[in-house]
Amino acid sequence: MSQVSDEEREEVAGDSGPATPRSGEPVKPSEAIPCDGPEEKPVEKKASRAGRNLPAAIAVGVVLGAAIIVSLLTVRYLFIAIIAAAIAVGTIEFAGALKRAANIKVALVPLLAGGQAMIWLAWPFGREGALTAFVLTVLACLLWRLPGGTEGYLRDVSATVFAAAYLPLFASFAAMLVPPEDGASRVLAFMIGVVASDTGGYAAGVLKGKHPMAPSISPKKSWEGFAGSMVAGLVGGALTLTLLLDGHVWQGLLFGAAIVLTATLGDLVESLIKRDLGIKDMGTMLPGHGGLMDRLDSLLPSAVVSWLLLSAFVPTP
């Protein structure tokens, strides 16, 4: 039996008479479309409740986690290099998303150079080094954009200053966790807190999520997921502060709760930015995750709170 093309099937759909080809000639009985049985419907692939490629996401997470752990257990200052590289890639992704979606032109060259200065100067000089580099970066970006003229100037420099604060300045607080003698433990407490929040919320949201937390911003984020994040964060904070940093249980609970709140805030903020831009992901670099910026969203604000609380709770050796 000869095959009939999809276009020919569309032409005869709903016609009670014999099917005719495009030439208008009647179709021979041997060439008629068979109708001796019900039409088979294509089987649609059911979307995963997880909302992403879970095996790929797990594999990427394991690789990234292994790189961080190896750096902390060998030469902990390598963690600063990992931060610097991640922020450079994230900055490029963020600038590209703004350009594609809204034609916002970030001053990328001074932003990248200033971002590296913020992170590396936070190592020997702490807050003073990071804040000084931030201010100089803002000035350089204002100057860099001048030749572009008046059209869109405020829009472009505002986005650039926001990017400078949101990415490298926040990340510099993670770099400031490294220099103390117990810097590896401080970084682990920070990372474990964020991972516990993300994992607990993800599992609880997939299994039990029914009540949307912020449907207009992130429809898949639920109050059940937030509760899972809080439980996991409290447990992770209590364990890391007592076992790794000789802190008190109440300090660990407060630390864990604060990390959950800031990690959730960071996730919602980036979701809001992406909705404003009309995009799903900042990039496609990490299979199952999207772009690198899509993994940094909860880490960046949590780095600031981690440094503040650990500086208050744990005396520097």
Protein backbone atom coordinates (compact mmCIF):
# COMPACT_ATOMS: atom_id res chain seq x y z
CA MET A 1 0.00 0.00 0.00
CA SER A 2 1.39 3.39 -0.93
CA GLN A 3 1.99 5.91 1.84
CA VAL A 4 -0.04 9.13 2.12
CA SER A 5 1.72 12.30 3.19
CA ASP A 6 0.71 14.35 6.25
CA GLU A 7 -0.39 17.22 3.97
CA GLU A 8 -2.72 14.89 2.04
CA ARG A 9 -4.16 13.63 5.33
CA GLU A 10 -4.92 17.21 6.35
CA GLU A 11 -6.65 17.87 3.01
CA VAL A 12 -9.05 14.98 3.43
CA ALA A 13 -9.62 15.36 7.17
CA GLY A 14 -13.34 15.69 7.87
CA ASP A 15 -14.33 14.77 4.25
CA SER A 16 -16.93 12.00 4.12
CA GLY A 17 -16.21 11.23 0.47
CA PRO A 18 -13.29 9.42 -1.09
CA ALA A 19 -9.89 10.98 -0.59
CA THR A 20 -8.42 12.77 -3.59
CA PRO A 21 -4.80 13.70 -4.23
CA ARG A 22 -3.71 17.24 -5.08
CA SER A 23 -4.25 16.67 -8.81
CA GLY A 24 -7.98 16.24 -8.20
CA GLU A 25 -8.08 12.67 -9.57
CA PRO A 26 -9.90 10.06 -7.47
CA VAL A 27 -7.74 7.88 -5.35
CA LYS A 28 -7.69 4.24 -6.27
CA PRO A 29 -9.11 1.88 -3.67
CA SER A 30 -5.67 0.46 -3.09
CA GLU A 31 -4.40 3.97 -2.32
CA ALA A 32 -7.23 5.04 -0.01
CA ILE A 33 -6.39 5.89 3.54
CA PRO A 34 -7.15 2.85 5.67
CA CYS A 35 -9.97 3.34 8.16
CA ASP A 36 -10.41 -0.18 9.44
CA GLY A 37 -9.49 0.78 12.99
CA PRO A 38 -9.33 3.73 15.37
CA GLU A 39 -6.72 6.36 14.62
CA GLU A 40 -3.67 5.97 16.83
CA LYS A 41 -2.88 9.05 18.90
CA PRO A 42 0.77 9.91 19.49
CA VAL A 43 1.89 9.10 22.96
CA GLU A 44 2.87 12.28 24.76
CA LYS A 45 5.82 12.20 27.06
CA LYS A 46 4.71 12.99 30.57
CA ALA A 47 6.60 15.90 32.04
CA SER A 48 8.61 15.17 35.11
CA ARG A 49 7.25 16.61 38.33
CA ALA A 50 10.80 17.66 39.07
CA GLY A 51 10.60 20.21 36.27
CA ARG A 52 14.14 19.51 35.06
CA ASN A 53 16.47 16.76 33.90
CA LEU A 54 17.12 15.21 37.29
CA PRO A 55 19.99 12.83 36.36
CA ALA A 56 21.83 15.62 34.56
CA ALA A 57 21.19 18.02 37.45
CA ILE A 58 22.53 15.52 39.98
CA ALA A 59 25.62 14.78 37.87
CA VAL A 60 26.43 18.49 37.49
CA GLY A 61 25.86 19.07 41.20
CA VAL A 62 28.19 16.21 42.14
CA VAL A 63 30.95 17.52 39.85
CA LEU A 64 30.68 21.07 41.19
CA GLY A 65 30.53 19.85 44.79
CA ALA A 66 33.56 17.62 44.30
CA ALA A 67 35.59 20.51 42.88
CA ILE A 68 34.74 22.67 45.90
CA ILE A 69 35.51 19.94 48.44
CA VAL A 70 38.83 19.10 46.80
CA SER A 71 39.86 22.75 46.82
CA LEU A 72 38.96 23.14 50.50
CA LEU A 73 40.73 19.96 51.59
CA THR A 74 43.92 20.68 49.65
CA VAL A 75 44.67 24.38 49.18
CA ARG A 76 41.65 26.24 50.48
CA TYR A 77 42.56 29.45 48.63
CA LEU A 78 41.72 27.61 45.41
CA PHE A 79 38.12 28.15 46.46
CA ILE A 80 38.60 31.87 45.78
CA ALA A 81 39.75 31.00 42.25
CA ILE A 82 36.59 28.92 41.80
CA ILE A 83 34.48 31.86 42.98
CA ALA A 84 36.29 34.25 40.65
CA ALA A 85 35.82 31.98 37.63
CA ALA A 86 32.14 31.32 38.43
CA ILE A 87 31.41 35.03 38.82
CA ALA A 88 33.14 35.86 35.53
CA VAL A 89 31.01 33.29 33.69
CA GLY A 90 27.87 34.35 35.56
CA THR A 91 28.49 38.00 34.70
CA ILE A 92 28.83 37.19 31.00
CA GLU A 93 25.61 35.14 31.15
CA PHE A 94 23.75 37.92 32.94
CA ALA A 95 24.95 40.60 30.53
CA GLY A 96 24.03 38.40 27.56
CA ALA A 97 20.53 37.77 28.90
CA LEU A 98 19.94 41.51 29.41
CA LYS A 99 21.16 42.27 25.89
CA ARG A 100 19.09 39.55 24.19
CA ALA A 101 15.87 40.10 26.12
CA ALA A 102 15.79 43.87 26.67
CA ASN A 103 18.65 45.35 24.63
CA ILE A 104 20.29 46.54 27.87
CA LYS A 105 23.98 47.12 27.26
CA VAL A 106 26.02 46.35 30.37
CA ALA A 107 29.53 47.82 30.54
CA LEU A 108 30.98 44.33 30.46
CA VAL A 109 34.72 45.02 30.28
CA PRO A 110 35.01 47.23 33.41
CA LEU A 111 32.41 45.05 35.15
CA LEU A 112 34.47 41.91 34.60
CA ALA A 113 37.74 43.58 35.63
CA GLY A 114 36.17 45.25 38.65
CA GLY A 115 34.42 42.03 39.66
CA GLN A 116 37.72 40.16 39.78
CA ALA A 117 39.24 43.00 41.80
CA MET A 118 36.42 42.82 44.37
CA ILE A 119 36.87 39.09 44.90
CA TRP A 120 40.68 38.99 45.01
CA LEU A 121 41.06 42.15 47.12
CA ALA A 122 38.61 40.69 49.65
CA TRP A 123 41.25 38.05 50.42
CA PRO A 124 43.96 40.26 51.96
CA PHE A 125 41.95 43.43 52.71
CA GLY A 126 38.49 42.14 53.68
CA ARG A 127 35.50 44.47 53.43
CA GLU A 128 37.63 47.52 52.72
CA GLY A 129 39.21 45.92 49.68
CA ALA A 130 35.90 44.66 48.28
CA LEU A 131 34.02 47.92 48.84
CA THR A 132 36.84 50.06 47.44
CA ALA A 133 36.95 47.90 44.30
CA PHE A 134 33.16 48.14 44.03
CA VAL A 135 33.16 51.94 44.12
CA LEU A 136 35.96 52.15 41.56
CA THR A 137 34.10 49.67 39.35
CA VAL A 138 30.96 51.82 39.42
CA LEU A 139 32.97 54.91 38.45
CA ALA A 140 34.68 53.03 35.63
CA CYS A 141 31.33 51.75 34.32
CA LEU A 142 29.82 55.26 34.35
CA LEU A 143 32.78 56.51 32.32
CA TRP A 144 32.77 53.51 29.96
CA ARG A 145 29.17 54.11 28.94
CA LEU A 146 29.63 57.85 28.15
CA PRO A 147 30.59 57.43 24.46
CA GLY A 148 27.30 55.57 23.89
CA GLY A 149 25.31 58.79 24.17
CA THR A 150 22.24 59.76 26.14
CA GLU A 151 19.78 57.19 24.83
CA GLY A 152 19.38 54.43 27.40
CA TYR A 153 22.25 55.74 29.54
CA LEU A 154 20.41 55.54 32.87
CA ARG A 155 18.97 52.12 32.00
CA ASP A 156 22.36 50.69 31.04
CA VAL A 157 24.37 52.07 33.97
CA SER A 158 21.65 51.09 36.46
CA ALA A 159 21.74 47.51 35.21
CA THR A 160 25.55 47.55 35.34
CA VAL A 161 25.68 48.83 38.92
CA PHE A 162 23.06 46.26 39.93
CA ALA A 163 25.12 43.50 38.33
CA ALA A 164 28.28 44.70 40.11
CA ALA A 165 26.56 44.50 43.49
CA TYR A 166 24.51 41.35 42.86
CA LEU A 167 27.35 39.20 41.54
CA PRO A 168 30.96 40.08 42.49
CA LEU A 169 30.25 42.18 45.59
CA PHE A 170 28.02 39.51 47.14
CA ALA A 171 30.49 36.81 46.09
CA SER A 172 33.36 38.66 47.76
CA PHE A 173 31.78 37.78 51.13
CA ALA A 174 32.20 34.10 50.26
CA ALA A 175 35.87 34.83 49.54
CA MET A 176 36.16 36.47 52.96
CA LEU A 177 35.20 33.18 54.61
CA VAL A 178 38.44 31.57 53.40
CA PRO A 179 41.39 33.42 55.06
CA PRO A 180 40.89 32.40 58.75
CA GLU A 181 42.60 29.18 59.87
CA ASP A 182 39.21 27.47 60.03
CA GLY A 183 38.25 28.96 56.67
CA ALA A 184 37.56 25.57 55.09
CA SER A 185 35.03 24.78 57.84
CA ARG A 186 33.38 28.18 57.43
CA VAL A 187 32.99 27.65 53.69
CA LEU A 188 31.61 24.15 54.26
CA ALA A 189 29.07 25.49 56.76
CA PHE A 190 27.95 28.05 54.19
CA MET A 191 27.78 25.57 51.31
CA ILE A 192 26.10 22.81 53.33
CA GLY A 193 23.49 25.29 54.55
CA VAL A 194 22.57 26.35 51.00
CA VAL A 195 22.62 22.78 49.64
CA ALA A 196 20.46 21.55 52.54
CA SER A 197 17.95 24.35 51.91
CA ASP A 198 17.85 23.68 48.17
CA THR A 199 17.63 19.89 48.51
CA GLY A 200 15.05 19.90 51.30
CA GLY A 201 12.87 22.36 49.46
CA TYR A 202 13.21 20.52 46.17
CA ALA A 203 12.27 17.14 47.66
CA ALA A 204 9.36 18.43 49.73
CA GLY A 205 8.08 20.56 46.87
CA VAL A 206 8.11 17.69 44.38
CA LEU A 207 6.52 15.20 46.78
CA LYS A 208 4.07 17.34 48.75
CA GLY A 209 3.94 20.77 47.13
CA LYS A 210 0.32 21.95 46.80
CA HIS A 211 0.16 25.54 48.03
CA PRO A 212 2.07 28.03 45.83
CA MET A 213 4.31 30.38 47.72
CA ALA A 214 4.62 33.07 45.05
CA PRO A 215 2.60 31.94 42.01
CA SER A 216 3.16 35.10 40.01
CA ILE A 217 6.95 34.83 40.44
CA SER A 218 7.79 31.13 40.76
CA PRO A 219 4.75 28.86 40.29
CA LYS A 220 6.61 25.69 41.31
CA LYS A 221 7.78 27.08 44.64
CA SER A 222 5.41 25.98 47.40
CA TRP A 223 4.99 26.52 51.12
CA GLU A 224 5.51 22.79 51.61
CA GLY A 225 8.83 23.13 49.81
CA PHE A 226 9.76 26.08 52.00
CA ALA A 227 8.95 24.00 55.08
CA GLY A 228 11.21 21.24 53.74
CA SER A 229 13.97 23.80 53.19
CA MET A 230 13.60 25.10 56.73
CA VAL A 231 13.74 21.63 58.32
CA ALA A 232 16.81 20.63 56.29
CA GLY A 233 18.45 24.00 56.88
CA LEU A 234 17.95 23.86 60.64
CA VAL A 235 19.42 20.36 60.82
CA GLY A 236 22.33 21.29 58.56
CA GLY A 237 23.07 24.48 60.49
CA ALA A 238 22.97 22.78 63.88
CA LEU A 239 25.31 20.01 62.73
CA THR A 240 27.85 22.18 60.92
CA LEU A 241 28.12 24.87 63.59
CA THR A 242 28.58 22.36 66.42
CA LEU A 243 30.73 19.76 64.66
CA LEU A 244 32.85 21.92 62.35
CA LEU A 245 33.13 25.22 64.20
CA ASP A 246 32.55 24.36 67.89
CA GLY A 247 29.51 26.62 68.02
CA HIS A 248 26.34 26.24 70.06
CA VAL A 249 23.22 24.47 68.85
CA TRP A 250 21.14 27.66 69.05
CA GLN A 251 23.71 29.41 66.87
CA GLY A 252 23.48 26.63 64.32
CA LEU A 253 19.68 26.80 64.29
CA LEU A 254 19.74 30.56 63.78
CA PHE A 255 22.39 30.21 61.09
CA GLY A 256 20.39 27.51 59.28
CA ALA A 257 17.17 29.53 59.39
CA ALA A 258 18.93 32.64 58.08
CA ILE A 259 20.48 30.70 55.20
CA VAL A 260 17.10 29.26 54.22
CA LEU A 261 15.53 32.72 54.19
CA THR A 262 18.30 34.30 52.11
CA ALA A 263 18.59 31.33 49.75
CA THR A 264 14.84 31.45 49.13
CA LEU A 265 15.01 35.21 48.64
CA GLY A 266 17.84 34.82 46.12
CA ASP A 267 15.87 32.19 44.21
CA LEU A 268 12.77 34.39 44.08
CA VAL A 269 14.74 37.47 43.04
CA GLU A 270 16.30 35.72 40.08
CA SER A 271 12.93 34.22 39.10
CA LEU A 272 11.51 37.74 39.16
CA ILE A 273 14.37 39.02 36.99
CA LYS A 274 13.86 36.22 34.47
CA ARG A 275 10.10 36.81 34.35
CA ASP A 276 10.71 40.51 33.82
CA LEU A 277 13.03 39.67 30.93
CA GLY A 278 10.72 36.96 29.58
CA ILE A 279 13.32 34.16 29.67
CA LYS A 280 13.37 30.71 31.26
CA ASP A 281 17.08 30.38 32.08
CA MET A 282 20.04 32.74 32.14
CA GLY A 283 22.04 30.31 30.02
CA THR A 284 22.49 26.70 28.93
CA MET A 285 25.94 25.92 30.27
CA LEU A 286 24.91 23.35 32.89
CA PRO A 287 22.68 20.45 31.75
CA GLY A 288 19.66 20.09 34.01
CA HIS A 289 20.35 23.43 35.69
CA GLY A 290 20.30 26.05 32.93
CA GLY A 291 23.08 28.60 33.18
CA LEU A 292 25.64 29.03 35.92
CA MET A 293 23.69 32.06 37.15
CA ASP A 294 20.73 29.75 37.73
CA ARG A 295 22.85 27.94 40.35
CA LEU A 296 24.34 31.07 41.91
CA ASP A 297 21.01 32.70 42.72
CA SER A 298 20.64 31.22 46.22
CA LEU A 299 24.38 31.27 46.99
CA LEU A 300 25.04 34.97 46.44
CA PRO A 301 22.85 36.57 49.13
CA SER A 302 23.55 33.64 51.47
CA ALA A 303 27.28 34.38 51.29
CA VAL A 304 26.70 37.81 52.82
CA VAL A 305 24.60 36.46 55.70
CA SER A 306 27.00 33.54 56.26
CA TRP A 307 29.95 35.87 56.67
CA LEU A 308 28.05 38.19 59.01
CA LEU A 309 26.73 35.43 61.29
CA LEU A 310 29.91 33.33 61.34
CA SER A 311 31.97 36.42 62.13
CA ALA A 312 29.64 37.08 65.08
CA PHE A 313 29.30 33.48 66.31
CA VAL A 314 32.74 32.00 65.73
CA PRO A 315 35.85 33.84 66.98
CA THR A 316 38.67 34.03 64.45
CA PRO A 317 41.50 31.66 65.52
